């Protein structure tokens, strides 16, 4: 998921997607520990997607408060 795609969504949509990706990432991590056959590239993409969504939500939170994001 690209940053432009995330920025085009409402906060509630991002939060919903964030929850879904977190579940998917947890399941992949758990599966990698128990079975050992997961795709590390996909795990990396999910981790970056999580960070992207959290960053954009935080930027919007700071904008509402009137502060500048660092």
N, C-alpha and C. Protein backbone atom coordinates (compact mmCIF):
# COMPACT_ATOMS: atom_id res chain seq x y z
N UNK A 1 0.86 -1.16 0.00
CA UNK A 1 0.00 0.00 0.00
C UNK A 1 0.90 1.23 0.00
N UNK A 2 0.65 2.12 -0.91
CA UNK A 2 1.47 3.32 -1.02
C UNK A 2 0.92 4.42 -0.13
N UNK A 3 1.78 5.37 0.20
CA UNK A 3 1.40 6.47 1.09
C UNK A 3 0.25 7.28 0.48
N UNK A 4 0.24 7.45 -0.84
CA UNK A 4 -0.83 8.22 -1.48
C UNK A 4 -2.18 7.53 -1.29
N UNK A 5 -2.17 6.21 -1.33
CA UNK A 5 -3.41 5.45 -1.12
C UNK A 5 -3.92 5.65 0.31
N UNK A 6 -2.99 5.63 1.25
CA UNK A 6 -3.39 5.79 2.65
C UNK A 6 -3.88 7.21 2.89
N UNK A 7 -3.20 8.19 2.34
CA UNK A 7 -3.59 9.59 2.53
C UNK A 7 -4.97 9.89 1.94
N UNK A 8 -5.38 9.13 0.95
CA UNK A 8 -6.68 9.32 0.32
C UNK A 8 -7.84 8.75 1.11
N UNK A 9 -7.55 8.10 2.23
CA UNK A 9 -8.60 7.47 3.03
C UNK A 9 -8.92 8.32 4.26
N UNK A 10 -10.10 8.07 4.80
CA UNK A 10 -10.51 8.70 6.05
C UNK A 10 -9.81 7.99 7.21
N UNK A 11 -9.74 8.66 8.35
CA UNK A 11 -9.09 8.07 9.52
C UNK A 11 -9.71 6.75 9.93
N UNK A 12 -11.03 6.67 9.87
CA UNK A 12 -11.71 5.43 10.27
C UNK A 12 -11.34 4.28 9.33
N UNK A 13 -11.19 4.57 8.05
CA UNK A 13 -10.79 3.54 7.10
C UNK A 13 -9.36 3.08 7.36
N UNK A 14 -8.49 4.03 7.67
CA UNK A 14 -7.09 3.69 7.96
C UNK A 14 -7.02 2.85 9.22
N UNK A 15 -7.78 3.22 10.24
CA UNK A 15 -7.77 2.46 11.48
C UNK A 15 -8.27 1.03 11.26
N UNK A 16 -9.29 0.87 10.42
CA UNK A 16 -9.80 -0.46 10.11
C UNK A 16 -8.73 -1.27 9.38
N UNK A 17 -8.10 -0.66 8.36
CA UNK A 17 -7.04 -1.35 7.62
C UNK A 17 -5.87 -1.68 8.53
N UNK A 18 -5.55 -0.77 9.43
CA UNK A 18 -4.45 -0.98 10.35
C UNK A 18 -4.71 -2.21 11.22
N UNK A 19 -5.91 -2.33 11.69
CA UNK A 19 -6.28 -3.49 12.52
C UNK A 19 -6.15 -4.78 11.72
N UNK A 20 -6.60 -4.77 10.47
CA UNK A 20 -6.54 -5.96 9.63
C UNK A 20 -5.09 -6.35 9.34
N UNK A 21 -4.25 -5.36 9.03
CA UNK A 21 -2.84 -5.65 8.72
C UNK A 21 -2.11 -6.14 9.97
N UNK A 22 -2.43 -5.56 11.13
CA UNK A 22 -1.82 -6.02 12.37
C UNK A 22 -2.16 -7.49 12.64
N UNK A 23 -3.40 -7.87 12.41
CA UNK A 23 -3.81 -9.27 12.59
C UNK A 23 -3.05 -10.17 11.62
N UNK A 24 -2.98 -9.74 10.37
CA UNK A 24 -2.30 -10.53 9.35
C UNK A 24 -0.81 -10.68 9.69
N UNK A 25 -0.19 -9.59 10.14
CA UNK A 25 1.23 -9.63 10.50
C UNK A 25 1.46 -10.56 11.70
N UNK A 26 0.58 -10.47 12.70
CA UNK A 26 0.69 -11.34 13.86
C UNK A 26 0.60 -12.80 13.45
N UNK A 27 -0.38 -13.11 12.59
CA UNK A 27 -0.56 -14.49 12.15
C UNK A 27 0.67 -14.99 11.40
N UNK A 28 1.26 -14.13 10.57
CA UNK A 28 2.46 -14.53 9.83
C UNK A 28 3.63 -14.75 10.76
N UNK A 29 3.78 -13.88 11.77
CA UNK A 29 4.87 -14.04 12.73
C UNK A 29 4.70 -15.34 13.51
N UNK A 30 3.47 -15.59 13.94
CA UNK A 30 3.18 -16.81 14.69
C UNK A 30 3.46 -18.04 13.83
N UNK A 31 3.00 -18.00 12.58
CA UNK A 31 3.20 -19.11 11.66
C UNK A 31 4.69 -19.35 11.39
N UNK A 32 5.46 -18.25 11.30
CA UNK A 32 6.89 -18.41 11.03
C UNK A 32 7.59 -19.08 12.20
N UNK A 33 7.10 -18.84 13.42
CA UNK A 33 7.71 -19.47 14.58
C UNK A 33 7.32 -20.94 14.70
N UNK A 34 6.11 -21.28 14.33
CA UNK A 34 5.65 -22.65 14.49
C UNK A 34 5.97 -23.52 13.29
N UNK A 35 5.77 -22.99 12.10
CA UNK A 35 5.98 -23.79 10.89
C UNK A 35 7.31 -23.47 10.21
N UNK A 36 7.72 -22.22 10.28
CA UNK A 36 9.00 -21.83 9.71
C UNK A 36 9.01 -21.59 8.22
N UNK A 37 7.88 -21.58 7.57
CA UNK A 37 7.88 -21.41 6.11
C UNK A 37 7.02 -20.21 5.70
N UNK A 38 7.46 -19.02 6.06
CA UNK A 38 6.73 -17.83 5.64
C UNK A 38 7.60 -17.03 4.68
N UNK A 39 6.98 -16.11 4.02
CA UNK A 39 7.67 -15.26 3.05
C UNK A 39 8.21 -14.03 3.78
N UNK A 40 9.51 -13.92 3.97
CA UNK A 40 10.06 -12.78 4.70
C UNK A 40 9.83 -11.45 3.98
N UNK A 41 9.76 -11.47 2.68
CA UNK A 41 9.52 -10.23 1.94
C UNK A 41 8.11 -9.71 2.23
N UNK A 42 7.14 -10.59 2.32
CA UNK A 42 5.77 -10.18 2.61
C UNK A 42 5.68 -9.62 4.04
N UNK A 43 6.41 -10.25 4.97
CA UNK A 43 6.42 -9.74 6.34
C UNK A 43 7.00 -8.33 6.38
N UNK A 44 8.03 -8.09 5.61
CA UNK A 44 8.62 -6.75 5.53
C UNK A 44 7.66 -5.73 4.97
N UNK A 45 6.93 -6.13 3.92
CA UNK A 45 5.94 -5.21 3.33
C UNK A 45 4.84 -4.87 4.33
N UNK A 46 4.38 -5.89 5.07
CA UNK A 46 3.34 -5.65 6.07
C UNK A 46 3.84 -4.71 7.17
N UNK A 47 5.07 -4.93 7.61
CA UNK A 47 5.64 -4.09 8.65
C UNK A 47 5.74 -2.64 8.18
N UNK A 48 6.14 -2.44 6.93
CA UNK A 48 6.25 -1.09 6.38
C UNK A 48 4.87 -0.46 6.20
N UNK A 49 3.89 -1.26 5.80
CA UNK A 49 2.52 -0.75 5.69
C UNK A 49 1.99 -0.29 7.04
N UNK A 50 2.28 -1.09 8.08
CA UNK A 50 1.87 -0.70 9.43
C UNK A 50 2.49 0.65 9.81
N UNK A 51 3.76 0.78 9.57
CA UNK A 51 4.45 2.02 9.92
C UNK A 51 3.89 3.20 9.13
N UNK A 52 3.60 2.98 7.85
CA UNK A 52 3.05 4.04 7.01
C UNK A 52 1.71 4.53 7.54
N UNK A 53 0.83 3.58 7.87
CA UNK A 53 -0.50 3.95 8.35
C UNK A 53 -0.41 4.67 9.70
N UNK A 54 0.42 4.16 10.59
CA UNK A 54 0.56 4.80 11.89
C UNK A 54 1.15 6.20 11.76
N UNK A 55 2.11 6.38 10.86
CA UNK A 55 2.72 7.68 10.66
C UNK A 55 1.71 8.69 10.14
N UNK A 56 0.90 8.30 9.18
CA UNK A 56 -0.09 9.21 8.61
C UNK A 56 -1.15 9.56 9.64
N UNK A 57 -1.58 8.60 10.43
CA UNK A 57 -2.54 8.90 11.50
C UNK A 57 -1.94 9.89 12.50
N UNK A 58 -0.68 9.70 12.84
CA UNK A 58 -0.01 10.61 13.78
C UNK A 58 0.14 12.00 13.18
N UNK A 59 0.48 12.11 11.91
CA UNK A 59 0.57 13.41 11.25
C UNK A 59 -0.76 14.14 11.32
N UNK A 60 -1.83 13.42 11.05
CA UNK A 60 -3.16 14.04 11.09
C UNK A 60 -3.52 14.47 12.50
N UNK A 61 -3.14 13.67 13.50
CA UNK A 61 -3.40 14.03 14.89
C UNK A 61 -2.67 15.32 15.25
N UNK A 62 -1.44 15.45 14.81
CA UNK A 62 -0.67 16.66 15.10
C UNK A 62 -1.23 17.88 14.37
N UNK A 63 -1.72 17.68 13.16
CA UNK A 63 -2.34 18.78 12.41
C UNK A 63 -3.57 19.32 13.14
N UNK A 64 -4.36 18.41 13.70
CA UNK A 64 -5.56 18.81 14.43
C UNK A 64 -5.17 19.64 15.65
N UNK A 65 -4.10 19.24 16.31
CA UNK A 65 -3.63 19.96 17.50
C UNK A 65 -2.95 21.28 17.15
N UNK A 66 -2.60 21.45 15.89
CA UNK A 66 -1.93 22.67 15.48
C UNK A 66 -0.42 22.62 15.63
N UNK A 67 0.12 21.44 15.80
CA UNK A 67 1.56 21.27 15.92
C UNK A 67 2.14 20.80 14.60
N UNK A 68 3.42 21.03 14.43
CA UNK A 68 4.10 20.59 13.22
C UNK A 68 4.66 19.19 13.44
N UNK A 69 4.44 18.29 12.46
CA UNK A 69 5.08 16.97 12.57
C UNK A 69 6.58 17.12 12.43
N UNK A 70 7.32 16.28 13.14
CA UNK A 70 8.80 16.36 13.09
C UNK A 70 9.33 15.61 11.92
